[in-house]
Amino acid sequence: MGRAHPGDALVARGQSRSLQPRAARSGVRRSLGIGDDEVAVGFLGRLVKEKGLDVFAAALRTLKARGVKHKTLVIGEGPARDWFAQEVPDAVFAGYLTGDDLGKAVASMDVFFNPSVTETFGNVTLEAMAAGVPVVAARASGAVGLIADGVTGLIVPPTDIEGYADALQRFCEDHAFRSTAGAAGHAEAATYQWERINQTVLDTYLKVLARRAA
């Protein structure tokens, strides 16, 4: 694509101010066609099938079949957009967003659903946490290092559609748990700053050099 997309790490680049919890929530939700009383289940990232879009769609269909009320919000663009739109026909597609618009749209979610198993770090997961949004994610490298299962989100085996639906249903129906997990995620995301990350890397190098010198 040759340009940044919503998966870029706003938090690590010092743009976390755009991801304050529930920033301009009501106005943004209404502009996207999401009611104040609707639970918004969101996706954030490039729309390519390797991001687990098929699993996302299957889990949302299961949630709908159970009669769990929710609204699907998709942020991002990509070559699989048309296919994905057919798989989640009731979803709101916000398109490609950046900066404050991206931060406010993420903060308008109630739950962030990331079934991808191809992430090496999980920038989008961290961005959702920074916005105070609890996460349902695949038990994979991009999530397990960021999410405290049952605290900041819920982790599910990668292809367990019923398990994803169970996790999403819990967040959709348990407002207290959703709020607590979102707050915990926001607090955890606040610890991810470039200064701290760089200092950790530097300290590691210094320890290795000290051991070699000894």
N, C-alpha and C. Protein backbone atom coordinates (compact mmCIF):
# COMPACT_ATOMS: atom_id res chain seq x y z
N MET A 1 0.84 -1.21 0.00
CA MET A 1 0.00 0.00 0.00
C MET A 1 0.87 1.26 0.00
N GLY A 2 2.06 1.18 0.63
CA GLY A 2 2.96 2.30 0.61
C GLY A 2 2.60 3.43 1.55
N ARG A 3 1.68 3.21 2.47
CA ARG A 3 1.34 4.25 3.43
C ARG A 3 0.97 3.60 4.75
N ALA A 4 0.97 4.42 5.79
CA ALA A 4 0.61 3.88 7.10
C ALA A 4 -0.86 3.51 7.12
N HIS A 5 -1.21 2.56 7.97
CA HIS A 5 -2.61 2.18 8.13
C HIS A 5 -2.91 2.10 9.61
N PRO A 6 -4.17 1.88 10.02
CA PRO A 6 -4.50 1.94 11.43
C PRO A 6 -3.72 0.99 12.31
N GLY A 7 -3.01 0.04 11.74
CA GLY A 7 -2.23 -0.86 12.57
C GLY A 7 -0.94 -0.26 13.06
N ASP A 8 -0.57 0.94 12.61
CA ASP A 8 0.64 1.57 13.08
C ASP A 8 0.48 1.98 14.53
N ALA A 9 1.57 1.92 15.29
CA ALA A 9 1.49 2.11 16.75
C ALA A 9 1.41 3.57 17.13
N LEU A 10 0.19 4.09 17.29
CA LEU A 10 0.02 5.47 17.73
C LEU A 10 0.57 5.67 19.12
N VAL A 11 0.41 4.68 19.98
CA VAL A 11 0.87 4.82 21.36
C VAL A 11 2.38 4.94 21.40
N ALA A 12 3.07 4.04 20.72
CA ALA A 12 4.53 4.05 20.75
C ALA A 12 5.09 5.30 20.09
N ARG A 13 4.34 5.90 19.16
CA ARG A 13 4.83 7.11 18.50
C ARG A 13 4.46 8.35 19.29
N GLY A 14 3.94 8.18 20.50
CA GLY A 14 3.64 9.34 21.33
C GLY A 14 2.34 10.03 20.99
N GLN A 15 1.43 9.35 20.29
CA GLN A 15 0.16 9.96 19.92
C GLN A 15 -0.99 9.44 20.78
N SER A 16 -0.68 8.96 21.98
CA SER A 16 -1.71 8.37 22.82
C SER A 16 -2.78 9.38 23.22
N ARG A 17 -2.47 10.68 23.09
CA ARG A 17 -3.49 11.69 23.40
C ARG A 17 -4.70 11.53 22.49
N SER A 18 -4.51 10.94 21.30
CA SER A 18 -5.62 10.71 20.38
C SER A 18 -6.46 9.53 20.80
N LEU A 19 -5.98 8.77 21.79
CA LEU A 19 -6.64 7.53 22.16
C LEU A 19 -7.13 7.57 23.60
N GLN A 20 -7.53 8.74 24.06
CA GLN A 20 -8.06 8.83 25.40
C GLN A 20 -9.38 8.09 25.49
N PRO A 21 -9.65 7.43 26.61
CA PRO A 21 -10.89 6.64 26.72
C PRO A 21 -12.13 7.45 26.46
N ARG A 22 -12.96 6.93 25.60
CA ARG A 22 -14.28 7.48 25.30
C ARG A 22 -14.24 8.93 24.82
N ALA A 23 -13.17 9.32 24.12
CA ALA A 23 -13.04 10.67 23.62
C ALA A 23 -14.20 10.99 22.67
N ALA A 24 -14.95 12.05 22.98
CA ALA A 24 -16.07 12.50 22.13
C ALA A 24 -16.97 11.34 21.73
N ARG A 25 -17.20 10.42 22.66
CA ARG A 25 -17.84 9.15 22.37
C ARG A 25 -19.20 9.28 21.70
N SER A 26 -20.12 9.99 22.33
CA SER A 26 -21.49 10.02 21.83
C SER A 26 -21.58 10.61 20.44
N GLY A 27 -20.92 11.76 20.24
CA GLY A 27 -20.99 12.41 18.94
C GLY A 27 -20.43 11.57 17.82
N VAL A 28 -19.29 10.93 18.08
CA VAL A 28 -18.65 10.10 17.06
C VAL A 28 -19.52 8.88 16.77
N ARG A 29 -20.03 8.25 17.82
CA ARG A 29 -20.88 7.07 17.62
C ARG A 29 -22.10 7.41 16.77
N ARG A 30 -22.73 8.52 17.06
CA ARG A 30 -23.91 8.90 16.29
C ARG A 30 -23.56 9.19 14.85
N SER A 31 -22.39 9.81 14.62
CA SER A 31 -21.97 10.10 13.25
C SER A 31 -21.70 8.82 12.46
N LEU A 32 -21.38 7.75 13.18
CA LEU A 32 -21.12 6.46 12.55
C LEU A 32 -22.38 5.59 12.47
N GLY A 33 -23.46 6.10 13.01
CA GLY A 33 -24.70 5.33 12.97
C GLY A 33 -24.82 4.31 14.09
N ILE A 34 -24.11 4.55 15.19
CA ILE A 34 -24.15 3.64 16.35
C ILE A 34 -24.88 4.35 17.49
N GLY A 35 -25.92 3.73 17.99
CA GLY A 35 -26.70 4.34 19.06
C GLY A 35 -25.97 4.29 20.40
N ASP A 36 -26.33 5.23 21.28
CA ASP A 36 -25.69 5.28 22.60
C ASP A 36 -25.92 4.00 23.39
N ASP A 37 -27.02 3.32 23.13
CA ASP A 37 -27.35 2.12 23.89
C ASP A 37 -26.93 0.83 23.18
N GLU A 38 -26.24 0.95 22.05
CA GLU A 38 -25.77 -0.23 21.32
C GLU A 38 -24.34 -0.57 21.74
N VAL A 39 -24.05 -1.86 21.82
CA VAL A 39 -22.70 -2.32 22.13
C VAL A 39 -21.94 -2.50 20.81
N ALA A 40 -20.91 -1.69 20.63
CA ALA A 40 -20.15 -1.70 19.38
C ALA A 40 -18.97 -2.66 19.48
N VAL A 41 -18.98 -3.70 18.65
CA VAL A 41 -17.87 -4.64 18.55
C VAL A 41 -17.03 -4.21 17.36
N GLY A 42 -15.77 -3.89 17.59
CA GLY A 42 -14.97 -3.28 16.55
C GLY A 42 -13.82 -4.11 16.00
N PHE A 43 -13.47 -3.81 14.76
CA PHE A 43 -12.27 -4.33 14.12
C PHE A 43 -11.44 -3.14 13.68
N LEU A 44 -10.12 -3.23 13.84
CA LEU A 44 -9.21 -2.16 13.43
C LEU A 44 -8.02 -2.78 12.72
N GLY A 45 -7.78 -2.36 11.47
CA GLY A 45 -6.62 -2.88 10.76
C GLY A 45 -6.84 -2.92 9.27
N ARG A 46 -5.84 -3.39 8.57
CA ARG A 46 -5.94 -3.51 7.13
C ARG A 46 -6.85 -4.68 6.79
N LEU A 47 -7.72 -4.48 5.84
CA LEU A 47 -8.72 -5.49 5.51
C LEU A 47 -8.13 -6.49 4.51
N VAL A 48 -7.42 -7.46 5.09
CA VAL A 48 -6.85 -8.58 4.34
C VAL A 48 -7.22 -9.85 5.09
N LYS A 49 -7.42 -10.94 4.37
CA LYS A 49 -7.95 -12.15 4.99
C LYS A 49 -7.03 -12.74 6.04
N GLU A 50 -5.71 -12.51 5.91
CA GLU A 50 -4.80 -13.07 6.90
C GLU A 50 -4.94 -12.43 8.28
N LYS A 51 -5.74 -11.38 8.38
CA LYS A 51 -6.02 -10.78 9.68
C LYS A 51 -7.14 -11.51 10.43
N GLY A 52 -7.60 -12.62 9.87
CA GLY A 52 -8.63 -13.40 10.53
C GLY A 52 -10.04 -12.89 10.28
N LEU A 53 -10.25 -12.25 9.14
CA LEU A 53 -11.57 -11.71 8.84
C LEU A 53 -12.64 -12.78 8.76
N ASP A 54 -12.27 -13.99 8.27
CA ASP A 54 -13.25 -15.06 8.19
C ASP A 54 -13.70 -15.51 9.57
N VAL A 55 -12.75 -15.57 10.51
CA VAL A 55 -13.08 -15.94 11.89
C VAL A 55 -13.93 -14.84 12.54
N PHE A 56 -13.56 -13.60 12.30
CA PHE A 56 -14.33 -12.47 12.82
C PHE A 56 -15.78 -12.56 12.38
N ALA A 57 -15.98 -12.75 11.07
CA ALA A 57 -17.34 -12.81 10.54
C ALA A 57 -18.12 -13.99 11.10
N ALA A 58 -17.47 -15.14 11.21
CA ALA A 58 -18.16 -16.33 11.73
C ALA A 58 -18.58 -16.13 13.18
N ALA A 59 -17.71 -15.53 13.99
CA ALA A 59 -18.05 -15.30 15.39
C ALA A 59 -19.19 -14.31 15.53
N LEU A 60 -19.19 -13.28 14.69
CA LEU A 60 -20.28 -12.30 14.75
C LEU A 60 -21.60 -12.90 14.28
N ARG A 61 -21.55 -13.82 13.31
CA ARG A 61 -22.78 -14.51 12.89
C ARG A 61 -23.31 -15.37 14.04
N THR A 62 -22.42 -16.02 14.76
CA THR A 62 -22.84 -16.83 15.90
C THR A 62 -23.45 -15.96 16.98
N LEU A 63 -22.84 -14.80 17.22
CA LEU A 63 -23.37 -13.87 18.21
C LEU A 63 -24.77 -13.41 17.82
N LYS A 64 -24.96 -13.12 16.54
CA LYS A 64 -26.27 -12.69 16.05
C LYS A 64 -27.29 -13.81 16.18
N ALA A 65 -26.88 -15.05 15.88
CA ALA A 65 -27.79 -16.20 15.98
C ALA A 65 -28.24 -16.43 17.40
N ARG A 66 -27.41 -16.06 18.35
CA ARG A 66 -27.77 -16.19 19.77
C ARG A 66 -28.72 -15.09 20.23
N GLY A 67 -28.93 -14.10 19.39
CA GLY A 67 -29.80 -13.00 19.76
C GLY A 67 -29.13 -11.95 20.63
N VAL A 68 -27.79 -11.93 20.62
CA VAL A 68 -27.05 -10.94 21.41
C VAL A 68 -27.00 -9.63 20.63
N LYS A 69 -27.55 -8.58 21.21
CA LYS A 69 -27.60 -7.30 20.52
C LYS A 69 -26.21 -6.66 20.48
N HIS A 70 -25.83 -6.20 19.29
CA HIS A 70 -24.53 -5.56 19.12
C HIS A 70 -24.53 -4.83 17.79
N LYS A 71 -23.52 -4.00 17.59
CA LYS A 71 -23.29 -3.31 16.32
C LYS A 71 -21.83 -3.51 15.95
N THR A 72 -21.57 -3.84 14.71
CA THR A 72 -20.20 -4.07 14.27
C THR A 72 -19.62 -2.82 13.62
N LEU A 73 -18.43 -2.41 14.08
CA LEU A 73 -17.74 -1.24 13.53
C LEU A 73 -16.40 -1.68 12.97
N VAL A 74 -16.16 -1.38 11.71
CA VAL A 74 -14.92 -1.77 11.04
C VAL A 74 -14.15 -0.51 10.64
N ILE A 75 -12.91 -0.41 11.12
CA ILE A 75 -12.04 0.72 10.79
C ILE A 75 -10.86 0.20 9.98
N GLY A 76 -10.69 0.71 8.78
CA GLY A 76 -9.59 0.28 7.93
C GLY A 76 -10.05 0.04 6.51
N GLU A 77 -9.08 -0.12 5.64
CA GLU A 77 -9.35 -0.42 4.23
C GLU A 77 -8.40 -1.53 3.78
N GLY A 78 -8.69 -2.11 2.65
CA GLY A 78 -7.82 -3.16 2.13
C GLY A 78 -8.50 -3.94 1.02
N PRO A 79 -7.76 -4.82 0.37
CA PRO A 79 -8.30 -5.54 -0.79
C PRO A 79 -9.46 -6.48 -0.50
N ALA A 80 -9.64 -6.85 0.78
CA ALA A 80 -10.74 -7.77 1.12
C ALA A 80 -11.99 -7.03 1.57
N ARG A 81 -12.03 -5.72 1.38
CA ARG A 81 -13.15 -4.95 1.91
C ARG A 81 -14.49 -5.41 1.36
N ASP A 82 -14.60 -5.57 0.04
CA ASP A 82 -15.88 -5.95 -0.56
C ASP A 82 -16.32 -7.33 -0.07
N TRP A 83 -15.38 -8.27 -0.03
CA TRP A 83 -15.71 -9.60 0.48
C TRP A 83 -16.16 -9.52 1.93
N PHE A 84 -15.45 -8.75 2.74
CA PHE A 84 -15.77 -8.64 4.16
C PHE A 84 -17.14 -7.99 4.36
N ALA A 85 -17.44 -7.01 3.53
CA ALA A 85 -18.74 -6.33 3.63
C ALA A 85 -19.89 -7.30 3.37
N GLN A 86 -19.67 -8.28 2.52
CA GLN A 86 -20.69 -9.29 2.28
C GLN A 86 -20.83 -10.25 3.46
N GLU A 87 -19.71 -10.49 4.14
CA GLU A 87 -19.71 -11.40 5.28
C GLU A 87 -20.33 -10.77 6.52
N VAL A 88 -20.18 -9.46 6.67
CA VAL A 88 -20.77 -8.75 7.83
C VAL A 88 -21.63 -7.61 7.29
N PRO A 89 -22.76 -7.95 6.67
CA PRO A 89 -23.56 -6.96 5.95
C PRO A 89 -24.16 -5.87 6.83
N ASP A 90 -24.28 -6.11 8.12
CA ASP A 90 -24.87 -5.11 9.01
C ASP A 90 -23.82 -4.18 9.62
N ALA A 91 -22.56 -4.36 9.26
CA ALA A 91 -21.48 -3.59 9.88
C ALA A 91 -21.44 -2.16 9.36
N VAL A 92 -20.90 -1.28 10.19
CA VAL A 92 -20.59 0.09 9.80
C VAL A 92 -19.12 0.12 9.38
N PHE A 93 -18.84 0.55 8.16
CA PHE A 93 -17.47 0.65 7.67
C PHE A 93 -17.04 2.11 7.71
N ALA A 94 -16.11 2.41 8.62
CA ALA A 94 -15.66 3.79 8.79
C ALA A 94 -14.55 4.16 7.83
N GLY A 95 -13.95 3.16 7.17
CA GLY A 95 -12.88 3.45 6.23
C GLY A 95 -11.54 3.67 6.90
N TYR A 96 -10.62 4.25 6.14
CA TYR A 96 -9.26 4.52 6.59
C TYR A 96 -9.25 5.81 7.39
N LEU A 97 -8.79 5.77 8.63
CA LEU A 97 -8.75 6.94 9.51
C LEU A 97 -7.36 7.11 10.09
N THR A 98 -7.02 8.35 10.43
CA THR A 98 -5.74 8.64 11.07
C THR A 98 -5.94 9.67 12.17
N GLY A 99 -4.89 9.84 13.00
CA GLY A 99 -4.86 10.91 13.99
C GLY A 99 -6.03 10.90 14.95
N ASP A 100 -6.55 12.09 15.22
CA ASP A 100 -7.66 12.21 16.18
C ASP A 100 -8.90 11.47 15.72
N ASP A 101 -9.16 11.47 14.40
CA ASP A 101 -10.33 10.76 13.89
C ASP A 101 -10.23 9.28 14.22
N LEU A 102 -9.05 8.72 14.06
CA LEU A 102 -8.84 7.31 14.38
C LEU A 102 -9.01 7.08 15.88
N GLY A 103 -8.39 7.94 16.69
CA GLY A 103 -8.48 7.77 18.13
C GLY A 103 -9.90 7.83 18.64
N LYS A 104 -10.66 8.78 18.13
CA LYS A 104 -12.05 8.92 18.56
C LYS A 104 -12.91 7.75 18.10
N ALA A 105 -12.64 7.25 16.90
CA ALA A 105 -13.42 6.11 16.40
C ALA A 105 -13.12 4.86 17.22
N VAL A 106 -11.85 4.64 17.56
CA VAL A 106 -11.50 3.49 18.39
C VAL A 106 -12.15 3.62 19.76
N ALA A 107 -12.11 4.82 20.33
CA ALA A 107 -12.72 5.04 21.64
C ALA A 107 -14.23 4.86 21.62
N SER A 108 -14.84 4.92 20.43
CA SER A 108 -16.28 4.74 20.33
C SER A 108 -16.68 3.27 20.36
N MET A 109 -15.69 2.37 20.29
CA MET A 109 -15.97 0.94 20.40
C MET A 109 -16.28 0.59 21.86
N ASP A 110 -17.01 -0.50 22.05
CA ASP A 110 -17.21 -1.06 23.38
C ASP A 110 -16.33 -2.29 23.60
N VAL A 111 -16.08 -3.01 22.52
CA VAL A 111 -15.23 -4.21 22.56
C VAL A 111 -14.40 -4.23 21.29
N PHE A 112 -13.11 -4.53 21.40
CA PHE A 112 -12.26 -4.70 20.24
C PHE A 112 -12.03 -6.18 20.02
N PHE A 113 -12.31 -6.67 18.83
CA PHE A 113 -12.20 -8.09 18.51
C PHE A 113 -11.08 -8.27 17.49
N ASN A 114 -10.01 -8.97 17.90
CA ASN A 114 -8.86 -9.17 17.04
C ASN A 114 -8.51 -10.66 16.97
N PRO A 115 -9.05 -11.38 15.97
CA PRO A 115 -8.78 -12.82 15.86
C PRO A 115 -7.53 -13.16 15.07
N SER A 116 -6.73 -12.16 14.70
CA SER A 116 -5.54 -12.40 13.90
C SER A 116 -4.50 -13.23 14.65
N VAL A 117 -3.86 -14.14 13.91
CA VAL A 117 -2.77 -14.94 14.48
C VAL A 117 -1.45 -14.60 13.79
N THR A 118 -1.42 -13.52 13.03
CA THR A 118 -0.22 -13.16 12.26
C THR A 118 0.52 -11.97 12.83
N GLU A 119 0.03 -11.41 13.94
CA GLU A 119 0.69 -10.24 14.52
C GLU A 119 1.95 -10.66 15.28
N THR A 120 3.02 -9.87 15.14
CA THR A 120 4.23 -10.14 15.92
C THR A 120 4.22 -9.38 17.24
N PHE A 121 3.56 -8.23 17.27
CA PHE A 121 3.47 -7.46 18.51
C PHE A 121 2.02 -7.17 18.88
N GLY A 122 1.25 -6.68 17.98
CA GLY A 122 -0.15 -6.40 18.27
C GLY A 122 -0.42 -4.93 18.52
N ASN A 123 0.04 -4.07 17.59
CA ASN A 123 -0.15 -2.63 17.76
C ASN A 123 -1.62 -2.25 17.92
N VAL A 124 -2.48 -2.86 17.10
CA VAL A 124 -3.89 -2.48 17.15
C VAL A 124 -4.51 -2.87 18.49
N THR A 125 -4.05 -3.98 19.06
CA THR A 125 -4.54 -4.38 20.38
C THR A 125 -4.15 -3.34 21.42
N LEU A 126 -2.91 -2.89 21.37
CA LEU A 126 -2.44 -1.88 22.31
C LEU A 126 -3.18 -0.56 22.12
N GLU A 127 -3.49 -0.21 20.88
CA GLU A 127 -4.23 1.02 20.60
C GLU A 127 -5.64 0.96 21.21
N ALA A 128 -6.29 -0.18 21.07
CA ALA A 128 -7.62 -0.34 21.67
C ALA A 128 -7.53 -0.23 23.19
N MET A 129 -6.54 -0.88 23.78
CA MET A 129 -6.36 -0.80 25.23
C MET A 129 -6.12 0.64 25.66
N ALA A 130 -5.32 1.38 24.90
CA ALA A 130 -5.05 2.78 25.23
C ALA A 130 -6.32 3.62 25.23
N ALA A 131 -7.28 3.22 24.40
CA ALA A 131 -8.55 3.93 24.33
C ALA A 131 -9.55 3.44 25.37
N GLY A 132 -9.11 2.54 26.25
CA GLY A 132 -10.01 2.05 27.30
C GLY A 132 -11.01 1.03 26.81
N VAL A 133 -10.68 0.34 25.71
CA VAL A 133 -11.58 -0.65 25.12
C VAL A 133 -11.08 -2.06 25.44
N PRO A 134 -11.89 -2.89 26.08
CA PRO A 134 -11.46 -4.26 26.37
C PRO A 134 -11.33 -5.07 25.08
N VAL A 135 -10.49 -6.11 25.12
CA VAL A 135 -10.13 -6.83 23.91
C VAL A 135 -10.50 -8.31 24.00
N VAL A 136 -11.02 -8.82 22.90
CA VAL A 136 -11.16 -10.27 22.70
C VAL A 136 -10.20 -10.61 21.58
N ALA A 137 -9.25 -11.52 21.85
CA ALA A 137 -8.21 -11.79 20.86
C ALA A 137 -7.84 -13.26 20.83
N ALA A 138 -7.16 -13.63 19.74
CA ALA A 138 -6.68 -14.99 19.57
C ALA A 138 -5.49 -15.24 20.50
N ARG A 139 -5.40 -16.46 20.98
CA ARG A 139 -4.23 -16.86 21.76
C ARG A 139 -3.05 -17.02 20.80
N ALA A 140 -2.39 -15.92 20.53
CA ALA A 140 -1.29 -15.89 19.57
C ALA A 140 -0.28 -14.84 20.02
N SER A 141 0.86 -14.80 19.35
CA SER A 141 1.97 -13.97 19.81
C SER A 141 1.62 -12.49 19.91
N GLY A 142 0.73 -12.00 19.05
CA GLY A 142 0.41 -10.59 19.08
C GLY A 142 -0.46 -10.16 20.24
N ALA A 143 -1.03 -11.12 20.97
CA ALA A 143 -1.97 -10.77 22.04
C ALA A 143 -1.53 -11.23 23.42
N VAL A 144 -0.93 -12.41 23.51
CA VAL A 144 -0.67 -12.99 24.83
C VAL A 144 0.31 -12.18 25.65
N GLY A 145 1.19 -11.42 24.99
CA GLY A 145 2.12 -10.60 25.74
C GLY A 145 1.54 -9.28 26.19
N LEU A 146 0.36 -8.93 25.66
CA LEU A 146 -0.25 -7.65 25.98
C LEU A 146 -1.47 -7.78 26.89
N ILE A 147 -2.25 -8.83 26.69
CA ILE A 147 -3.53 -8.96 27.39
C ILE A 147 -3.40 -9.86 28.61
N ALA A 148 -3.89 -9.38 29.73
CA ALA A 148 -4.02 -10.22 30.92
C ALA A 148 -5.40 -10.85 30.86
N ASP A 149 -5.45 -12.15 30.56
CA ASP A 149 -6.73 -12.83 30.33
C ASP A 149 -7.64 -12.70 31.55
N GLY A 150 -8.85 -12.20 31.31
CA GLY A 150 -9.81 -12.01 32.39
C GLY A 150 -9.66 -10.70 33.11
N VAL A 151 -8.62 -9.93 32.77
CA VAL A 151 -8.38 -8.64 33.43
C VAL A 151 -8.52 -7.49 32.44
N THR A 152 -7.71 -7.49 31.38
CA THR A 152 -7.80 -6.44 30.37
C THR A 152 -8.54 -6.90 29.12
N GLY A 153 -8.84 -8.19 29.07
CA GLY A 153 -9.53 -8.75 27.92
C GLY A 153 -9.70 -10.24 28.09
N LEU A 154 -10.10 -10.89 27.01
CA LEU A 154 -10.29 -12.34 27.02
C LEU A 154 -9.56 -12.95 25.83
N ILE A 155 -8.81 -14.00 26.08
CA ILE A 155 -8.02 -14.67 25.05
C ILE A 155 -8.67 -16.01 24.72
N VAL A 156 -8.78 -16.30 23.42
CA VAL A 156 -9.52 -17.47 22.94
C VAL A 156 -8.63 -18.27 21.98
N PRO A 157 -8.70 -19.60 22.00
CA PRO A 157 -7.96 -20.39 21.00
C PRO A 157 -8.30 -19.91 19.59
N PRO A 158 -7.32 -19.82 18.70
CA PRO A 158 -7.46 -19.14 17.40
C PRO A 158 -8.67 -19.47 16.56
N THR A 159 -9.09 -20.73 16.49
CA THR A 159 -10.20 -21.08 15.59
C THR A 159 -11.48 -21.46 16.34
N ASP A 160 -11.56 -21.10 17.60
CA ASP A 160 -12.71 -21.48 18.43
C ASP A 160 -13.83 -20.45 18.27
N ILE A 161 -14.66 -20.65 17.26
CA ILE A 161 -15.72 -19.69 16.97
C ILE A 161 -16.69 -19.54 18.15
N GLU A 162 -17.08 -20.65 18.74
CA GLU A 162 -17.99 -20.59 19.88
C GLU A 162 -17.33 -19.88 21.06
N GLY A 163 -16.03 -20.12 21.24
CA GLY A 163 -15.30 -19.46 22.31
C GLY A 163 -15.25 -17.95 22.12
N TYR A 164 -15.02 -17.52 20.87
CA TYR A 164 -15.05 -16.08 20.58
C TYR A 164 -16.44 -15.51 20.87
N ALA A 165 -17.46 -16.23 20.43
CA ALA A 165 -18.82 -15.75 20.66
C ALA A 165 -19.13 -15.66 22.15
N ASP A 166 -18.64 -16.64 22.93
CA ASP A 166 -18.84 -16.60 24.39
C ASP A 166 -18.19 -15.35 24.98
N ALA A 167 -16.95 -15.07 24.56
CA ALA A 167 -16.22 -13.91 25.09
C ALA A 167 -16.91 -12.61 24.70
N LEU A 168 -17.31 -12.51 23.44
CA LEU A 168 -17.99 -11.30 22.99
C LEU A 168 -19.32 -11.13 23.69
N GLN A 169 -20.05 -12.22 23.88
CA GLN A 169 -21.34 -12.15 24.56
C GLN A 169 -21.17 -11.66 26.00
N ARG A 170 -20.12 -12.14 26.65
CA ARG A 170 -19.88 -11.70 28.03
C ARG A 170 -19.67 -10.20 28.08
N PHE A 171 -18.86 -9.67 27.16
CA PHE A 171 -18.62 -8.23 27.16
C PHE A 171 -19.86 -7.45 26.74
N CYS A 172 -20.64 -8.01 25.83
CA CYS A 172 -21.85 -7.33 25.39
C CYS A 172 -22.89 -7.22 26.51
N GLU A 173 -22.95 -8.25 27.36
CA GLU A 173 -24.02 -8.32 28.34
C GLU A 173 -23.60 -7.92 29.76
N ASP A 174 -22.30 -7.88 30.02
CA ASP A 174 -21.83 -7.55 31.38
C ASP A 174 -21.14 -6.19 31.35
N HIS A 175 -21.93 -5.15 31.58
CA HIS A 175 -21.40 -3.78 31.49
C HIS A 175 -20.30 -3.54 32.51
N ALA A 176 -20.46 -4.06 33.72
CA ALA A 176 -19.47 -3.83 34.78
C ALA A 176 -18.13 -4.45 34.40
N PHE A 177 -18.15 -5.66 33.90
CA PHE A 177 -16.91 -6.34 33.49
C PHE A 177 -16.27 -5.59 32.32
N ARG A 178 -17.09 -5.15 31.39
CA ARG A 178 -16.59 -4.41 30.23
C ARG A 178 -15.90 -3.12 30.67
N SER A 179 -16.51 -2.42 31.60
CA SER A 179 -15.94 -1.17 32.09
C SER A 179 -14.64 -1.39 32.86
N THR A 180 -14.64 -2.40 33.72
CA THR A 180 -13.45 -2.69 34.53
C THR A 180 -12.29 -3.13 33.65
N ALA A 181 -12.56 -4.01 32.69
CA ALA A 181 -11.50 -4.48 31.80
C ALA A 181 -10.96 -3.35 30.93
N GLY A 182 -11.84 -2.47 30.49
CA GLY A 182 -11.39 -1.33 29.69
C GLY A 182 -10.47 -0.41 30.47
N ALA A 183 -10.83 -0.15 31.71
CA ALA A 183 -10.00 0.71 32.56
C ALA A 183 -8.64 0.06 32.84
N ALA A 184 -8.65 -1.24 33.08
CA ALA A 184 -7.40 -1.96 33.33
C ALA A 184 -6.51 -1.95 32.10
N GLY A 185 -7.10 -2.09 30.93
CA GLY A 185 -6.33 -2.05 29.69
C GLY A 185 -5.71 -0.69 29.44
N HIS A 186 -6.47 0.36 29.74
CA HIS A 186 -5.95 1.72 29.57
C HIS A 186 -4.75 1.95 30.48
N ALA A 187 -4.83 1.48 31.72
CA ALA A 187 -3.73 1.64 32.65
C ALA A 187 -2.49 0.87 32.18
N GLU A 188 -2.71 -0.33 31.65
CA GLU A 188 -1.59 -1.14 31.17
C GLU A 188 -0.95 -0.49 29.94
N ALA A 189 -1.77 0.02 29.03
CA ALA A 189 -1.23 0.63 27.81
C ALA A 189 -0.40 1.86 28.12
N ALA A 190 -0.73 2.54 29.19
CA ALA A 190 0.01 3.76 29.56
C ALA A 190 1.47 3.47 29.90
N THR A 191 1.79 2.21 30.20
CA THR A 191 3.17 1.87 30.53
C THR A 191 4.04 1.66 29.30
N TYR A 192 3.41 1.63 28.11
CA TYR A 192 4.16 1.39 26.88
C TYR A 192 4.53 2.73 26.25
N GLN A 193 5.71 3.23 26.58
CA GLN A 193 6.23 4.47 26.04
C GLN A 193 7.62 4.23 25.46
N TRP A 194 7.97 4.98 24.42
CA TRP A 194 9.26 4.76 23.77
C TRP A 194 10.42 4.90 24.74
N GLU A 195 10.34 5.88 25.65
CA GLU A 195 11.44 6.08 26.57
C GLU A 195 11.70 4.83 27.41
N ARG A 196 10.64 4.23 27.91
CA ARG A 196 10.79 3.04 28.73
C ARG A 196 11.26 1.85 27.90
N ILE A 197 10.70 1.71 26.71
CA ILE A 197 11.09 0.60 25.84
C ILE A 197 12.57 0.71 25.47
N ASN A 198 12.99 1.91 25.07
CA ASN A 198 14.39 2.11 24.69
C ASN A 198 15.33 1.89 25.87
N GLN A 199 14.90 2.33 27.06
CA GLN A 199 15.75 2.15 28.23
C GLN A 199 15.91 0.67 28.57
N THR A 200 14.84 -0.09 28.38
CA THR A 200 14.92 -1.53 28.64
C THR A 200 15.89 -2.20 27.68
N VAL A 201 15.83 -1.80 26.41
CA VAL A 201 16.77 -2.36 25.42
C VAL A 201 18.20 -1.98 25.80
N LEU A 202 18.41 -0.70 26.14
CA LEU A 202 19.75 -0.24 26.52
C LEU A 202 20.27 -0.98 27.75
N ASP A 203 19.41 -1.13 28.75
CA ASP A 203 19.82 -1.85 29.97
C ASP A 203 20.23 -3.29 29.65
N THR A 204 19.51 -3.91 28.74
CA THR A 204 19.83 -5.29 28.35
C THR A 204 21.20 -5.37 27.71
N TYR A 205 21.47 -4.44 26.80
CA TYR A 205 22.80 -4.40 26.16
C TYR A 205 23.90 -4.19 27.20
N LEU A 206 23.67 -3.28 28.14
CA LEU A 206 24.68 -2.99 29.16
C LEU A 206 24.95 -4.21 30.03
N LYS A 207 23.90 -4.97 30.34
CA LYS A 207 24.09 -6.19 31.14
C LYS A 207 24.91 -7.23 30.38
N VAL A 208 24.62 -7.36 29.07
CA VAL A 208 25.37 -8.32 28.25
C VAL A 208 26.84 -7.91 28.18
N LEU A 209 27.10 -6.63 27.96
CA LEU A 209 28.48 -6.14 27.89
C LEU A 209 29.20 -6.33 29.22
N ALA A 210 28.48 -6.10 30.32
CA ALA A 210 29.11 -6.27 31.64
C ALA A 210 29.49 -7.72 31.88
N ARG A 211 28.61 -8.65 31.46
CA ARG A 211 28.91 -10.06 31.63
C ARG A 211 30.12 -10.48 30.80
N ARG A 212 30.20 -9.95 29.58
CA ARG A 212 31.33 -10.29 28.71
C ARG A 212 32.63 -9.71 29.28
N ALA A 213 32.57 -8.52 29.82
CA ALA A 213 33.76 -7.89 30.40
C ALA A 213 34.25 -8.65 31.62
N ALA A 214 33.31 -9.25 32.36
CA ALA A 214 33.67 -10.00 33.57
C ALA A 214 34.33 -11.33 33.20
